[in-house]
C-alpha atoms as a PDB file:
ATOM      1  CA  MET A   1     138.524  96.944 164.740  1.00  0.00           C
ATOM      2  CA  THR A   2     139.027 100.867 164.607  1.00  0.00           C
ATOM      3  CA  ASP A   3     139.134 102.047 168.316  1.00  0.00           C
ATOM      4  CA  ILE A   4     138.166 105.539 167.083  1.00  0.00           C
ATOM      5  CA  GLU A   5     135.012 107.332 168.936  1.00  0.00           C
ATOM      6  CA  THR A   6     132.792 110.475 168.425  1.00  0.00           C
ATOM      7  CA  ARG A   7     131.291 112.756 170.841  1.00  0.00           C
ATOM      8  CA  ALA A   8     129.143 115.753 170.171  1.00  0.00           C
ATOM      9  CA  GLY A   9     129.921 118.993 172.060  1.00  0.00           C
ATOM     10  CA  PRO A  10     128.020 122.050 172.400  1.00  0.00           C
ATOM     11  CA  PRO A  11     126.517 124.382 169.354  1.00  0.00           C
ATOM     12  CA  VAL A  12     129.061 126.755 167.465  1.00  0.00           C
ATOM     13  CA  GLU A  13     128.811 130.392 166.182  1.00  0.00           C
ATOM     14  CA  VAL A  14     129.112 130.884 162.531  1.00  0.00           C
ATOM     15  CA  ARG A  15     130.095 134.510 161.265  1.00  0.00           C
ATOM     16  CA  ALA A  16     131.554 136.496 158.186  1.00  0.00           C
ATOM     17  CA  ALA A  17     134.560 137.967 158.759  1.00  0.00           C
ATOM     18  CA  ASP A  18     136.177 141.470 157.729  1.00  0.00           C
ATOM     19  CA  ASP A  19     138.206 139.943 155.225  1.00  0.00           C
ATOM     20  CA  GLY A  20     135.324 137.756 153.554  1.00  0.00           C
ATOM     21  CA  THR A  21     136.270 134.597 155.066  1.00  0.00           C
ATOM     22  CA  VAL A  22     133.755 132.811 157.505  1.00  0.00           C
ATOM     23  CA  VAL A  23     134.313 131.939 160.850  1.00  0.00           C
ATOM     24  CA  VAL A  24     133.412 128.706 162.498  1.00  0.00           C
ATOM     25  CA  GLU A  25     134.471 129.394 166.598  1.00  0.00           C
ATOM     26  CA  GLY A  26     132.960 126.925 169.596  1.00  0.00           C
ATOM     27  CA  TYR A  27     133.405 124.138 172.105  1.00  0.00           C
ATOM     28  CA  ALA A  28     134.466 121.072 170.433  1.00  0.00           C
ATOM     29  CA  ALA A  29     134.095 119.181 174.269  1.00  0.00           C
ATOM     30  CA  VAL A  30     133.709 120.295 177.361  1.00  0.00           C
ATOM     31  CA  PHE A  31     135.199 119.123 180.915  1.00  0.00           C
ATOM     32  CA  ASN A  32     133.520 118.004 183.777  1.00  0.00           C
ATOM     33  CA  HIS A  33     129.994 117.457 182.412  1.00  0.00           C
ATOM     34  CA  PRO A  34     128.662 114.015 183.084  1.00  0.00           C
ATOM     35  CA  THR A  35     126.853 112.349 179.709  1.00  0.00           C
ATOM     36  CA  ASN A  36     124.638 109.465 179.946  1.00  0.00           C
ATOM     37  CA  MET A  37     125.717 107.263 177.160  1.00  0.00           C
ATOM     38  CA  GLY A  38     122.686 105.316 176.457  1.00  0.00           C
ATOM     39  CA  ASP A  39     121.793 104.704 179.935  1.00  0.00           C
ATOM     40  CA  VAL A  40     125.139 101.874 179.741  1.00  0.00           C
ATOM     41  CA  PHE A  41     127.404 104.241 182.115  1.00  0.00           C
ATOM     42  CA  ASN A  42     128.337 108.009 181.909  1.00  0.00           C
ATOM     43  CA  GLU A  43     131.273 109.941 180.574  1.00  0.00           C
ATOM     44  CA  ILE A  44     133.379 112.436 181.665  1.00  0.00           C
ATOM     45  CA  ILE A  45     136.258 114.386 180.196  1.00  0.00           C
ATOM     46  CA  ALA A  46     138.487 115.663 182.248  1.00  0.00           C
ATOM     47  CA  PRO A  47     140.275 119.178 182.389  1.00  0.00           C
ATOM     48  CA  GLY A  48     144.060 118.707 180.340  1.00  0.00           C
ATOM     49  CA  ALA A  49     142.495 115.663 178.158  1.00  0.00           C
ATOM     50  CA  PHE A  50     143.701 117.682 175.440  1.00  0.00           C
ATOM     51  CA  ARG A  51     146.674 118.767 176.632  1.00  0.00           C
ATOM     52  CA  SER A  52     149.074 116.020 175.182  1.00  0.00           C
ATOM     53  CA  ALA A  53     147.439 116.256 172.092  1.00  0.00           C
ATOM     54  CA  LEU A  54     147.825 119.974 171.881  1.00  0.00           C
ATOM     55  CA  ALA A  55     151.605 118.814 172.981  1.00  0.00           C
ATOM     56  CA  ARG A  56     152.038 117.150 169.986  1.00  0.00           C
ATOM     57  CA  ARG A  57     150.241 119.002 167.374  1.00  0.00           C
ATOM     58  CA  ASP A  58     148.019 116.581 166.471  1.00  0.00           C
ATOM     59  CA  ASP A  59     147.219 116.680 162.390  1.00  0.00           C
ATOM     60  CA  VAL A  60     143.096 117.781 163.537  1.00  0.00           C
ATOM     61  CA  GLU A  61     140.961 117.933 160.248  1.00  0.00           C
ATOM     62  CA  PHE A  62     137.585 119.993 160.824  1.00  0.00           C
ATOM     63  CA  LEU A  63     134.949 118.050 158.481  1.00  0.00           C
ATOM     64  CA  ILE A  64     131.379 117.889 157.997  1.00  0.00           C
ATOM     65  CA  ASN A  65     129.642 114.537 159.856  1.00  0.00           C
ATOM     66  CA  HIS A  66     133.691 113.503 159.900  1.00  0.00           C
ATOM     67  CA  GLY A  67     134.089 112.494 156.683  1.00  0.00           C
ATOM     68  CA  GLY A  68     134.491 113.890 153.013  1.00  0.00           C
ATOM     69  CA  LEU A  69     137.526 116.806 152.506  1.00  0.00           C
ATOM     70  CA  PRO A  70     138.567 119.031 155.348  1.00  0.00           C
ATOM     71  CA  ILE A  71     137.282 122.071 155.031  1.00  0.00           C
ATOM     72  CA  ALA A  72     140.044 123.554 157.588  1.00  0.00           C
ATOM     73  CA  ARG A  73     143.059 121.962 158.942  1.00  0.00           C
ATOM     74  CA  SER A  74     145.649 122.542 162.391  1.00  0.00           C
ATOM     75  CA  THR A  75     148.357 121.689 159.983  1.00  0.00           C
ATOM     76  CA  ALA A  76     147.140 124.285 157.647  1.00  0.00           C
ATOM     77  CA  GLY A  77     147.113 127.181 160.070  1.00  0.00           C
ATOM     78  CA  ASN A  78     143.537 127.569 159.366  1.00  0.00           C
ATOM     79  CA  LEU A  79     141.848 125.734 162.136  1.00  0.00           C
ATOM     80  CA  THR A  80     142.736 126.414 165.824  1.00  0.00           C
ATOM     81  CA  LEU A  81     142.184 124.476 169.194  1.00  0.00           C
ATOM     82  CA  THR A  82     143.244 125.655 172.611  1.00  0.00           C
ATOM     83  CA  GLU A  83     142.375 124.008 176.183  1.00  0.00           C
ATOM     84  CA  ASP A  84     141.033 126.075 178.630  1.00  0.00           C
ATOM     85  CA  SER A  85     139.618 125.572 182.416  1.00  0.00           C
ATOM     86  CA  HIS A  86     135.713 125.089 180.402  1.00  0.00           C
ATOM     87  CA  GLY A  87     136.959 122.754 177.401  1.00  0.00           C
ATOM     88  CA  LEU A  88     138.510 122.335 174.125  1.00  0.00           C
ATOM     89  CA  HIS A  89     137.765 125.690 171.840  1.00  0.00           C
ATOM     90  CA  MET A  90     138.473 125.952 168.322  1.00  0.00           C
ATOM     91  CA  ARG A  91     138.448 128.295 165.633  1.00  0.00           C
ATOM     92  CA  ALA A  92     137.952 127.556 161.715  1.00  0.00           C
ATOM     93  CA  VAL A  93     138.505 130.192 159.385  1.00  0.00           C
ATOM     94  CA  LEU A  94     137.132 128.812 156.093  1.00  0.00           C
ATOM     95  CA  ASP A  95     137.370 130.044 152.527  1.00  0.00           C
ATOM     96  CA  SER A  96     133.969 131.377 151.364  1.00  0.00           C
ATOM     97  CA  THR A  97     134.414 130.512 148.110  1.00  0.00           C
ATOM     98  CA  ASP A  98     135.035 126.889 148.294  1.00  0.00           C
ATOM     99  CA  PRO A  99     132.306 125.248 148.066  1.00  0.00           C
ATOM    100  CA  ASP A 100     131.868 122.804 150.145  1.00  0.00           C
ATOM    101  CA  VAL A 101     131.555 125.725 152.721  1.00  0.00           C
ATOM    102  CA  GLN A 102     129.279 127.562 150.566  1.00  0.00           C
ATOM    103  CA  ARG A 103     126.892 124.430 151.160  1.00  0.00           C
ATOM    104  CA  ILE A 104     127.238 123.657 154.729  1.00  0.00           C
ATOM    105  CA  ILE A 105     127.293 128.032 155.734  1.00  0.00           C
ATOM    106  CA  PRO A 106     123.054 128.690 155.088  1.00  0.00           C
ATOM    107  CA  LYS A 107     122.634 124.958 156.879  1.00  0.00           C
ATOM    108  CA  MET A 108     124.936 126.329 159.640  1.00  0.00           C
ATOM    109  CA  ARG A 109     123.515 130.044 160.084  1.00  0.00           C
ATOM    110  CA  SER A 110     119.883 128.045 160.034  1.00  0.00           C
ATOM    111  CA  LYS A 111     121.000 125.920 162.734  1.00  0.00           C
ATOM    112  CA  MET A 112     120.416 122.915 160.669  1.00  0.00           C
ATOM    113  CA  LEU A 113     123.553 122.364 160.800  1.00  0.00           C
ATOM    114  CA  ASP A 114     125.085 123.651 164.593  1.00  0.00           C
ATOM    115  CA  GLN A 115     126.254 121.000 166.780  1.00  0.00           C
ATOM    116  CA  MET A 116     130.173 120.098 166.773  1.00  0.00           C
ATOM    117  CA  SER A 117     131.558 117.124 167.683  1.00  0.00           C
ATOM    118  CA  PHE A 118     135.130 115.228 168.033  1.00  0.00           C
ATOM    119  CA  ALA A 119     136.967 112.144 167.071  1.00  0.00           C
ATOM    120  CA  PHE A 120     139.243 110.751 169.012  1.00  0.00           C
ATOM    121  CA  ARG A 121     141.289 107.579 170.590  1.00  0.00           C
ATOM    122  CA  ALA A 122     141.710 107.191 174.232  1.00  0.00           C
ATOM    123  CA  LEU A 123     144.621 106.904 175.417  1.00  0.00           C
ATOM    124  CA  ASP A 124     143.720 107.245 179.340  1.00  0.00           C
ATOM    125  CA  GLN A 125     140.735 106.702 181.318  1.00  0.00           C
ATOM    126  CA  GLU A 126     139.442 105.324 184.215  1.00  0.00           C
ATOM    127  CA  TRP A 127     136.394 103.274 185.523  1.00  0.00           C
ATOM    128  CA  ASP A 128     134.389 104.260 188.649  1.00  0.00           C
ATOM    129  CA  THR A 129     131.942 101.579 189.338  1.00  0.00           C
ATOM    130  CA  PRO A 130     129.645 102.390 192.081  1.00  0.00           C
ATOM    131  CA  VAL A 131     128.078 100.177 194.337  1.00  0.00           C
ATOM    132  CA  ASP A 132     124.976 101.717 193.030  1.00  0.00           C
ATOM    133  CA  GLY A 133     124.592 103.010 189.472  1.00  0.00           C
ATOM    134  CA  MET A 134     125.684 103.101 186.385  1.00  0.00           C
ATOM    135  CA  ASP A 135     129.498 103.430 186.129  1.00  0.00           C
ATOM    136  CA  THR A 136     131.606 106.378 185.261  1.00  0.00           C
ATOM    137  CA  ARG A 137     134.231 106.536 182.671  1.00  0.00           C
ATOM    138  CA  THR A 138     136.745 109.737 182.645  1.00  0.00           C
ATOM    139  CA  ILE A 139     139.089 110.365 179.819  1.00  0.00           C
ATOM    140  CA  LYS A 140     142.005 111.935 180.374  1.00  0.00           C
ATOM    141  CA  ASP A 141     143.690 111.844 177.726  1.00  0.00           C
ATOM    142  CA  VAL A 142     143.143 111.482 173.837  1.00  0.00           C
ATOM    143  CA  MET A 143     144.573 111.396 170.427  1.00  0.00           C
ATOM    144  CA  LEU A 144     142.763 114.028 168.080  1.00  0.00           C
ATOM    145  CA  PHE A 145     141.799 112.772 164.738  1.00  0.00           C
ATOM    146  CA  ASP A 146     139.085 115.563 163.861  1.00  0.00           C
ATOM    147  CA  VAL A 147     136.107 117.939 164.900  1.00  0.00           C
ATOM    148  CA  SER A 148     133.326 118.300 162.851  1.00  0.00           C
ATOM    149  CA  VAL A 149     130.206 120.351 162.615  1.00  0.00           C
ATOM    150  CA  VAL A 150     127.563 117.769 162.107  1.00  0.00           C
ATOM    151  CA  ASN A 151     123.207 118.037 161.866  1.00  0.00           C
ATOM    152  CA  ARG A 152     122.947 115.498 164.879  1.00  0.00           C
ATOM    153  CA  GLY A 153     125.731 114.551 167.324  1.00  0.00           C
ATOM    154  CA  ALA A 154     126.567 111.045 166.293  1.00  0.00           C
ATOM    155  CA  TYR A 155     125.206 108.713 169.049  1.00  0.00           C
ATOM    156  CA  PRO A 156     128.698 107.356 170.916  1.00  0.00           C
ATOM    157  CA  GLN A 157     130.019 103.952 169.987  1.00  0.00           C
ATOM    158  CA  THR A 158     129.378 102.458 173.661  1.00  0.00           C
ATOM    159  CA  GLU A 159     130.832  99.348 172.776  1.00  0.00           C
ATOM    160  CA  ILE A 160     134.548 100.707 171.965  1.00  0.00           C
ATOM    161  CA  ALA A 161     134.375 102.417 175.741  1.00  0.00           C
ATOM    162  CA  LEU A 162     132.790  99.078 177.035  1.00  0.00           C
ATOM    163  CA  ARG A 163     135.304  97.405 175.883  1.00  0.00           C
ATOM    164  CA  SER A 164     137.976  99.582 177.528  1.00  0.00           C
ATOM    165  CA  ARG A 165     136.257  98.894 180.770  1.00  0.00           C
ATOM    166  CA  GLU A 166     136.671  95.052 180.372  1.00  0.00           C
ATOM    167  CA  GLU A 167     140.184  95.430 179.808  1.00  0.00           C
ATOM    168  CA  ALA A 168     140.302  97.381 182.641  1.00  0.00           C
ATOM    169  CA  LYS A 169     138.798  95.479 184.893  1.00  0.00           C
ATOM    170  CA  THR A 170     140.901  93.014 183.599  1.00  0.00           C
ATOM    171  CA  ALA A 171     143.774  94.536 184.629  1.00  0.00           C
ATOM    172  CA  ALA A 172     142.253  95.412 187.909  1.00  0.00           C
ATOM    173  CA  GLN A 173     141.711  91.685 188.462  1.00  0.00           C
ATOM    174  CA  ARG A 174     145.462  90.861 187.212  1.00  0.00           C
ATOM    175  CA  GLU A 175     147.123  93.587 189.604  1.00  0.00           C
ATOM    176  CA  ALA A 176     144.605  92.323 192.951  1.00  0.00           C
ATOM    177  CA  GLU A 177     145.576  88.738 191.650  1.00  0.00           C
ATOM    178  CA  GLN A 178     149.424  89.947 192.289  1.00  0.00           C
ATOM    179  CA  ARG A 179     148.766  91.883 195.028  1.00  0.00           C
ATOM    180  CA  ASP A 180     147.165  88.475 196.808  1.00  0.00           C
ATOM    181  CA  ALA A 181     150.214  86.548 195.667  1.00  0.00           C
ATOM    182  CA  LYS A 182     152.570  89.465 197.337  1.00  0.00           C
ATOM    183  CA  LYS A 183     150.701  88.799 200.442  1.00  0.00           C
ATOM    184  CA  ALA A 184     151.135  85.038 200.563  1.00  0.00           C
ATOM    185  CA  ARG A 185     154.322  85.046 199.645  1.00  0.00           C
ATOM    186  CA  ASP A 186     155.190  87.665 202.647  1.00  0.00           C
ATOM    187  CA  LEU A 187     152.896  85.705 204.938  1.00  0.00           C
ATOM    188  CA  TYR A 188     154.595  82.697 204.074  1.00  0.00           C
ATOM    189  CA  ALA A 189     158.006  84.153 204.592  1.00  0.00           C
ATOM    190  CA  LEU A 190     157.040  85.894 208.481  1.00  0.00           C
ATOM    191  CA  ARG A 191     155.928  82.576 208.708  1.00  0.00           C
ATOM    192  CA  LYS A 192     158.811  80.790 207.861  1.00  0.00           C
ATOM    193  CA  ALA A 193     161.036  83.563 210.061  1.00  0.00           C
ATOM    194  CA  GLU A 194     159.285  82.907 213.134  1.00  0.00           C
ATOM    195  CA  GLN A 195     159.658  79.141 212.580  1.00  0.00           C
ATOM    196  CA  GLU A 196     163.511  78.936 212.122  1.00  0.00           C
ATOM    197  CA  GLN A 197     163.626  81.739 215.314  1.00  0.00           C
ATOM    198  CA  LYS A 198     162.060  78.663 217.491  1.00  0.00           C
ATOM    199  CA  PHE A 199     163.917  76.154 215.991  1.00  0.00           C
ATOM    200  CA  ARG A 200     167.235  78.413 217.696  1.00  0.00           C
ATOM    201  CA  LYS A 201     165.734  78.873 220.541  1.00  0.00           C
ATOM    202  CA  ILE A 202     165.685  75.082 220.645  1.00  0.00           C
END
């Protein structure tokens, strides 16, 4: 079972460069922007979520709708990813003679393909369960796989996130059980020490 998720980002800009290449630029993800995930939970991408992925130099491809052959790639040097205070910024320099690029550029310029999306695996996340309202998932660290231009923001794979929520709850329950067990042991040790002290006074 895969644990790779995709999320939609804001629209991107397409322009022709002076050297004949085509530049696609924009944000694949925005920080601190709560997103309603199908009325099941809210999700926030925390600042710094992409820091380790960029430091590791994850091999990230620029795709169309998360599939097919790459039209740019971070390891090829024609896809640049940076993290700033706003989010994950991407800049792809595309070969205008590439048939795949020629096929999508008119659709991007006509806004039929105008939204960014990114594929990731959550490496660190937190769940906040309020008394009232939906749970909130905060993504704090990811492994990046691709950024894609899409015609429609991919519907989030909520079952993957919900599975991680149940795992987090299970872990929290284990921690609570361990804390309770430690309290019981400490209380037993305290009472035993009190009893021994009483016996010594007799």
